[in-house]
Amino acid sequence: MSVEQLRNTLPSFAQDIKINLGNVLNSEDSPLDQLVRYRIGLASAYATRNVSIAQAIEQSGRELGLIDADVHAAKLAATLMAMNNVYYRFLHLAHEPELQKLPARLRMQGLVTPGISKLDFELMSLAVSAINGCGMCIEAHNREVLKHDVGVSGLQEVARIAAVVHGAAQGLALVA
């Protein structure tokens, strides 16, 4: 199933999501390259755990040049951020200064060698962190992304993609 076919399966109450899904992935007026948006969308889909959305974004993305390394990196971002977002959100919400001083002692080698460009992996990780609601991780990924020539409009685009993919997953879950 392609993204266009997926959009057509969204129920009438998700009409705005249907329109937004096409816009965030395919707009010509975006600060991010279309293939990068599909990478971010795929990582976001994995973060929502919605197989239909992930398959649709992967299929349409492959037509644009998405490769196995991109799919691997999207899965890596979704799984590593699933772990990190819980851990660092806990640190933030616990309000215990002594916890902040302790080493995480969690393996995160995938952050160093994601198999794609560091920037694209940071963008994927930012989107997943937004979906998972980890403020500390969002701040850390924002800082890394802004070291590149992305700007705040690029950050906004990541958040828009994550939000719309998350909304699509919600819309599909309500008809299942």
C-alpha atoms as a PDB file:
ATOM      1  CA  MET A   1       0.000   0.000   0.000  1.00  0.00           C
ATOM      2  CA  SER A   2       1.311   3.465  -0.888  1.00  0.00           C
ATOM      3  CA  VAL A   3       0.908   6.627   1.177  1.00  0.00           C
ATOM      4  CA  GLU A   4      -1.804   7.753  -1.233  1.00  0.00           C
ATOM      5  CA  GLN A   5      -3.700   4.481  -0.731  1.00  0.00           C
ATOM      6  CA  LEU A   6      -3.215   4.788   3.024  1.00  0.00           C
ATOM      7  CA  ARG A   7      -4.611   8.317   2.960  1.00  0.00           C
ATOM      8  CA  ASN A   8      -7.721   6.981   1.236  1.00  0.00           C
ATOM      9  CA  THR A   9      -8.291   4.493   4.077  1.00  0.00           C
ATOM     10  CA  LEU A  10      -8.411   7.216   6.728  1.00  0.00           C
ATOM     11  CA  PRO A  11     -11.957   7.729   8.067  1.00  0.00           C
ATOM     12  CA  SER A  12     -13.944  10.913   7.493  1.00  0.00           C
ATOM     13  CA  PHE A  13     -13.232  12.213  11.009  1.00  0.00           C
ATOM     14  CA  ALA A  14      -9.534  12.184  10.077  1.00  0.00           C
ATOM     15  CA  GLN A  15      -9.968  14.349   6.960  1.00  0.00           C
ATOM     16  CA  ASP A  16      -7.493  16.940   8.257  1.00  0.00           C
ATOM     17  CA  ILE A  17      -4.933  14.209   8.926  1.00  0.00           C
ATOM     18  CA  LYS A  18      -5.459  12.833   5.415  1.00  0.00           C
ATOM     19  CA  ILE A  19      -4.685  16.238   3.891  1.00  0.00           C
ATOM     20  CA  ASN A  20      -1.795  16.916   6.263  1.00  0.00           C
ATOM     21  CA  LEU A  21      -0.182  13.529   5.592  1.00  0.00           C
ATOM     22  CA  GLY A  22       0.085  14.326   1.908  1.00  0.00           C
ATOM     23  CA  ASN A  23       1.348  17.818   2.650  1.00  0.00           C
ATOM     24  CA  VAL A  24       4.116  16.977   5.136  1.00  0.00           C
ATOM     25  CA  LEU A  25       5.552  14.166   3.038  1.00  0.00           C
ATOM     26  CA  ASN A  26       5.117  15.580  -0.455  1.00  0.00           C
ATOM     27  CA  SER A  27       5.047  19.372  -0.220  1.00  0.00           C
ATOM     28  CA  GLU A  28       7.396  21.246  -2.512  1.00  0.00           C
ATOM     29  CA  ASP A  29       7.458  24.060   0.050  1.00  0.00           C
ATOM     30  CA  SER A  30       9.532  22.384   2.762  1.00  0.00           C
ATOM     31  CA  PRO A  31      12.924  23.182   4.269  1.00  0.00           C
ATOM     32  CA  LEU A  32      13.731  19.449   4.184  1.00  0.00           C
ATOM     33  CA  ASP A  33      14.392  17.247   1.177  1.00  0.00           C
ATOM     34  CA  GLN A  34      11.514  14.888   0.310  1.00  0.00           C
ATOM     35  CA  LEU A  35      13.554  11.735   0.910  1.00  0.00           C
ATOM     36  CA  VAL A  36      14.593  13.065   4.335  1.00  0.00           C
ATOM     37  CA  ARG A  37      10.915  13.683   5.138  1.00  0.00           C
ATOM     38  CA  TYR A  38      10.140  10.071   4.243  1.00  0.00           C
ATOM     39  CA  ARG A  39      12.959   8.881   6.514  1.00  0.00           C
ATOM     40  CA  ILE A  40      11.517  10.960   9.347  1.00  0.00           C
ATOM     41  CA  GLY A  41       8.010   9.720   8.540  1.00  0.00           C
ATOM     42  CA  LEU A  42       9.159   6.111   8.594  1.00  0.00           C
ATOM     43  CA  ALA A  43      10.862   6.462  11.984  1.00  0.00           C
ATOM     44  CA  SER A  44       7.717   8.197  13.251  1.00  0.00           C
ATOM     45  CA  ALA A  45       5.542   5.364  11.930  1.00  0.00           C
ATOM     46  CA  TYR A  46       7.691   2.794  13.729  1.00  0.00           C
ATOM     47  CA  ALA A  47       7.375   4.877  16.903  1.00  0.00           C
ATOM     48  CA  THR A  48       3.575   4.689  16.649  1.00  0.00           C
ATOM     49  CA  ARG A  49       3.832   0.903  16.184  1.00  0.00           C
ATOM     50  CA  ASN A  50       1.439   1.107  13.242  1.00  0.00           C
ATOM     51  CA  VAL A  51       2.536  -1.451  10.665  1.00  0.00           C
ATOM     52  CA  SER A  52       0.202  -0.189   7.922  1.00  0.00           C
ATOM     53  CA  ILE A  53       1.594   3.337   8.068  1.00  0.00           C
ATOM     54  CA  ALA A  54       5.190   2.096   8.213  1.00  0.00           C
ATOM     55  CA  GLN A  55       4.658  -0.157   5.195  1.00  0.00           C
ATOM     56  CA  ALA A  56       2.962   2.615   3.200  1.00  0.00           C
ATOM     57  CA  ILE A  57       5.686   5.151   3.943  1.00  0.00           C
ATOM     58  CA  GLU A  58       8.395   2.610   3.180  1.00  0.00           C
ATOM     59  CA  GLN A  59       6.797   1.614  -0.132  1.00  0.00           C
ATOM     60  CA  SER A  60       6.310   5.193  -1.294  1.00  0.00           C
ATOM     61  CA  GLY A  61       9.730   6.167   0.036  1.00  0.00           C
ATOM     62  CA  ARG A  62      11.440   3.389  -1.914  1.00  0.00           C
ATOM     63  CA  GLU A  63      10.026   4.911  -5.103  1.00  0.00           C
ATOM     64  CA  LEU A  64      11.923   8.095  -4.130  1.00  0.00           C
ATOM     65  CA  GLY A  65      15.172   6.322  -3.302  1.00  0.00           C
ATOM     66  CA  LEU A  66      14.698   5.022   0.245  1.00  0.00           C
ATOM     67  CA  ILE A  67      17.134   2.125   0.748  1.00  0.00           C
ATOM     68  CA  ASP A  68      17.595  -0.689   3.260  1.00  0.00           C
ATOM     69  CA  ALA A  69      20.021   1.441   5.304  1.00  0.00           C
ATOM     70  CA  ASP A  70      17.271   4.067   5.724  1.00  0.00           C
ATOM     71  CA  VAL A  71      14.785   1.444   6.909  1.00  0.00           C
ATOM     72  CA  HIS A  72      17.359   0.036   9.329  1.00  0.00           C
ATOM     73  CA  ALA A  73      18.127   3.527  10.671  1.00  0.00           C
ATOM     74  CA  ALA A  74      14.414   4.298  11.119  1.00  0.00           C
ATOM     75  CA  LYS A  75      13.968   1.111  13.142  1.00  0.00           C
ATOM     76  CA  LEU A  76      17.138   1.900  15.083  1.00  0.00           C
ATOM     77  CA  ALA A  77      15.893   5.419  15.902  1.00  0.00           C
ATOM     78  CA  ALA A  78      12.497   4.107  16.995  1.00  0.00           C
ATOM     79  CA  THR A  79      13.909   1.399  19.259  1.00  0.00           C
ATOM     80  CA  LEU A  80      16.803   3.353  20.768  1.00  0.00           C
ATOM     81  CA  MET A  81      14.573   6.354  21.423  1.00  0.00           C
ATOM     82  CA  ALA A  82      11.930   4.071  22.952  1.00  0.00           C
ATOM     83  CA  MET A  83      14.546   3.163  25.545  1.00  0.00           C
ATOM     84  CA  ASN A  84      16.208   6.568  25.872  1.00  0.00           C
ATOM     85  CA  ASN A  85      12.970   8.527  25.963  1.00  0.00           C
ATOM     86  CA  VAL A  86      11.709   6.504  28.921  1.00  0.00           C
ATOM     87  CA  TYR A  87      15.016   6.719  30.769  1.00  0.00           C
ATOM     88  CA  TYR A  88      15.674  10.430  30.215  1.00  0.00           C
ATOM     89  CA  ARG A  89      12.044  11.421  30.750  1.00  0.00           C
ATOM     90  CA  PHE A  90      12.280   9.588  34.087  1.00  0.00           C
ATOM     91  CA  LEU A  91      15.450  11.518  34.981  1.00  0.00           C
ATOM     92  CA  HIS A  92      13.750  14.789  34.128  1.00  0.00           C
ATOM     93  CA  LEU A  93      10.512  14.064  35.989  1.00  0.00           C
ATOM     94  CA  ALA A  94      12.143  12.499  39.050  1.00  0.00           C
ATOM     95  CA  HIS A  95      13.651  15.865  40.061  1.00  0.00           C
ATOM     96  CA  GLU A  96      16.464  14.084  41.858  1.00  0.00           C
ATOM     97  CA  PRO A  97      19.831  15.790  41.249  1.00  0.00           C
ATOM     98  CA  GLU A  98      21.780  12.712  42.341  1.00  0.00           C
ATOM     99  CA  LEU A  99      20.131  10.654  39.545  1.00  0.00           C
ATOM    100  CA  GLN A 100      21.417  13.155  36.978  1.00  0.00           C
ATOM    101  CA  LYS A 101      24.997  12.452  38.084  1.00  0.00           C
ATOM    102  CA  LEU A 102      24.809   8.686  37.576  1.00  0.00           C
ATOM    103  CA  PRO A 103      25.941   7.135  34.271  1.00  0.00           C
ATOM    104  CA  ALA A 104      23.052   5.721  32.250  1.00  0.00           C
ATOM    105  CA  ARG A 105      24.823   2.377  31.778  1.00  0.00           C
ATOM    106  CA  LEU A 106      22.675   1.721  28.712  1.00  0.00           C
ATOM    107  CA  ARG A 107      24.227   0.614  25.448  1.00  0.00           C
ATOM    108  CA  MET A 108      23.612   3.218  22.742  1.00  0.00           C
ATOM    109  CA  GLN A 109      26.223   2.371  20.108  1.00  0.00           C
ATOM    110  CA  GLY A 110      23.624   2.796  17.363  1.00  0.00           C
ATOM    111  CA  LEU A 111      23.684   6.541  17.999  1.00  0.00           C
ATOM    112  CA  VAL A 112      27.311   6.605  16.912  1.00  0.00           C
ATOM    113  CA  THR A 113      26.982   4.316  13.878  1.00  0.00           C
ATOM    114  CA  PRO A 114      23.425   4.558  12.525  1.00  0.00           C
ATOM    115  CA  GLY A 115      24.351   3.616   8.949  1.00  0.00           C
ATOM    116  CA  ILE A 116      23.124   6.917   7.461  1.00  0.00           C
ATOM    117  CA  SER A 117      24.180  10.551   7.831  1.00  0.00           C
ATOM    118  CA  LYS A 118      24.367  11.797  11.405  1.00  0.00           C
ATOM    119  CA  LEU A 119      22.017  14.674  10.583  1.00  0.00           C
ATOM    120  CA  ASP A 120      19.311  12.446   9.112  1.00  0.00           C
ATOM    121  CA  PHE A 121      19.539  10.117  12.092  1.00  0.00           C
ATOM    122  CA  GLU A 122      19.245  13.079  14.471  1.00  0.00           C
ATOM    123  CA  LEU A 123      16.148  14.256  12.587  1.00  0.00           C
ATOM    124  CA  MET A 124      14.602  10.781  12.898  1.00  0.00           C
ATOM    125  CA  SER A 125      15.480  10.607  16.591  1.00  0.00           C
ATOM    126  CA  LEU A 126      14.001  14.059  17.153  1.00  0.00           C
ATOM    127  CA  ALA A 127      10.700  12.994  15.578  1.00  0.00           C
ATOM    128  CA  VAL A 128      10.525   9.816  17.654  1.00  0.00           C
ATOM    129  CA  SER A 129      11.387  11.764  20.816  1.00  0.00           C
ATOM    130  CA  ALA A 130       8.572  14.208  20.034  1.00  0.00           C
ATOM    131  CA  ILE A 131       6.106  11.324  19.677  1.00  0.00           C
ATOM    132  CA  ASN A 132       7.351   9.757  22.903  1.00  0.00           C
ATOM    133  CA  GLY A 133       7.268  13.077  24.742  1.00  0.00           C
ATOM    134  CA  CYS A 134      10.800  13.262  26.130  1.00  0.00           C
ATOM    135  CA  GLY A 135      11.730  16.896  26.680  1.00  0.00           C
ATOM    136  CA  MET A 136      15.367  16.194  27.524  1.00  0.00           C
ATOM    137  CA  CYS A 137      15.806  14.167  24.334  1.00  0.00           C
ATOM    138  CA  ILE A 138      14.022  16.777  22.228  1.00  0.00           C
ATOM    139  CA  GLU A 139      16.382  19.458  23.566  1.00  0.00           C
ATOM    140  CA  ALA A 140      19.460  17.302  22.926  1.00  0.00           C
ATOM    141  CA  HIS A 141      18.428  16.440  19.350  1.00  0.00           C
ATOM    142  CA  ASN A 142      17.426  20.059  18.645  1.00  0.00           C
ATOM    143  CA  ARG A 143      20.931  21.186  19.641  1.00  0.00           C
ATOM    144  CA  GLU A 144      22.539  18.600  17.356  1.00  0.00           C
ATOM    145  CA  VAL A 145      20.270  19.404  14.411  1.00  0.00           C
ATOM    146  CA  LEU A 146      20.851  23.140  14.730  1.00  0.00           C
ATOM    147  CA  LYS A 147      24.609  22.570  14.341  1.00  0.00           C
ATOM    148  CA  HIS A 148      23.761  21.887  10.690  1.00  0.00           C
ATOM    149  CA  ASP A 149      22.118  24.206   8.188  1.00  0.00           C
ATOM    150  CA  VAL A 150      18.561  23.187   9.093  1.00  0.00           C
ATOM    151  CA  GLY A 151      17.192  26.127  11.078  1.00  0.00           C
ATOM    152  CA  VAL A 152      14.082  26.338  13.197  1.00  0.00           C
ATOM    153  CA  SER A 153      11.838  25.806  10.172  1.00  0.00           C
ATOM    154  CA  GLY A 154      13.494  22.399   9.766  1.00  0.00           C
ATOM    155  CA  LEU A 155      12.832  21.628  13.430  1.00  0.00           C
ATOM    156  CA  GLN A 156       9.208  22.608  12.929  1.00  0.00           C
ATOM    157  CA  GLU A 157       8.975  20.347   9.888  1.00  0.00           C
ATOM    158  CA  VAL A 158      10.207  17.377  11.943  1.00  0.00           C
ATOM    159  CA  ALA A 159       7.544  18.086  14.572  1.00  0.00           C
ATOM    160  CA  ARG A 160       4.862  18.436  11.893  1.00  0.00           C
ATOM    161  CA  ILE A 161       5.759  15.084  10.334  1.00  0.00           C
ATOM    162  CA  ALA A 162       5.816  13.342  13.727  1.00  0.00           C
ATOM    163  CA  ALA A 163       2.491  14.907  14.715  1.00  0.00           C
ATOM    164  CA  VAL A 164       0.717  13.991  11.484  1.00  0.00           C
ATOM    165  CA  VAL A 165       2.013  10.412  11.404  1.00  0.00           C
ATOM    166  CA  HIS A 166       0.967  10.026  15.042  1.00  0.00           C
ATOM    167  CA  GLY A 167      -2.472  11.449  14.185  1.00  0.00           C
ATOM    168  CA  ALA A 168      -2.815   9.037  11.264  1.00  0.00           C
ATOM    169  CA  ALA A 169      -2.010   6.108  13.549  1.00  0.00           C
ATOM    170  CA  GLN A 170      -4.657   7.316  15.993  1.00  0.00           C
ATOM    171  CA  GLY A 171      -7.233   7.712  13.221  1.00  0.00           C
ATOM    172  CA  LEU A 172      -6.610   4.194  11.916  1.00  0.00           C
ATOM    173  CA  ALA A 173      -6.703   2.734  15.427  1.00  0.00           C
ATOM    174  CA  LEU A 174     -10.157   4.202  16.015  1.00  0.00           C
ATOM    175  CA  VAL A 175     -11.655   2.286  13.093  1.00  0.00           C
ATOM    176  CA  ALA A 176      -9.965  -1.028  13.797  1.00  0.00           C
END
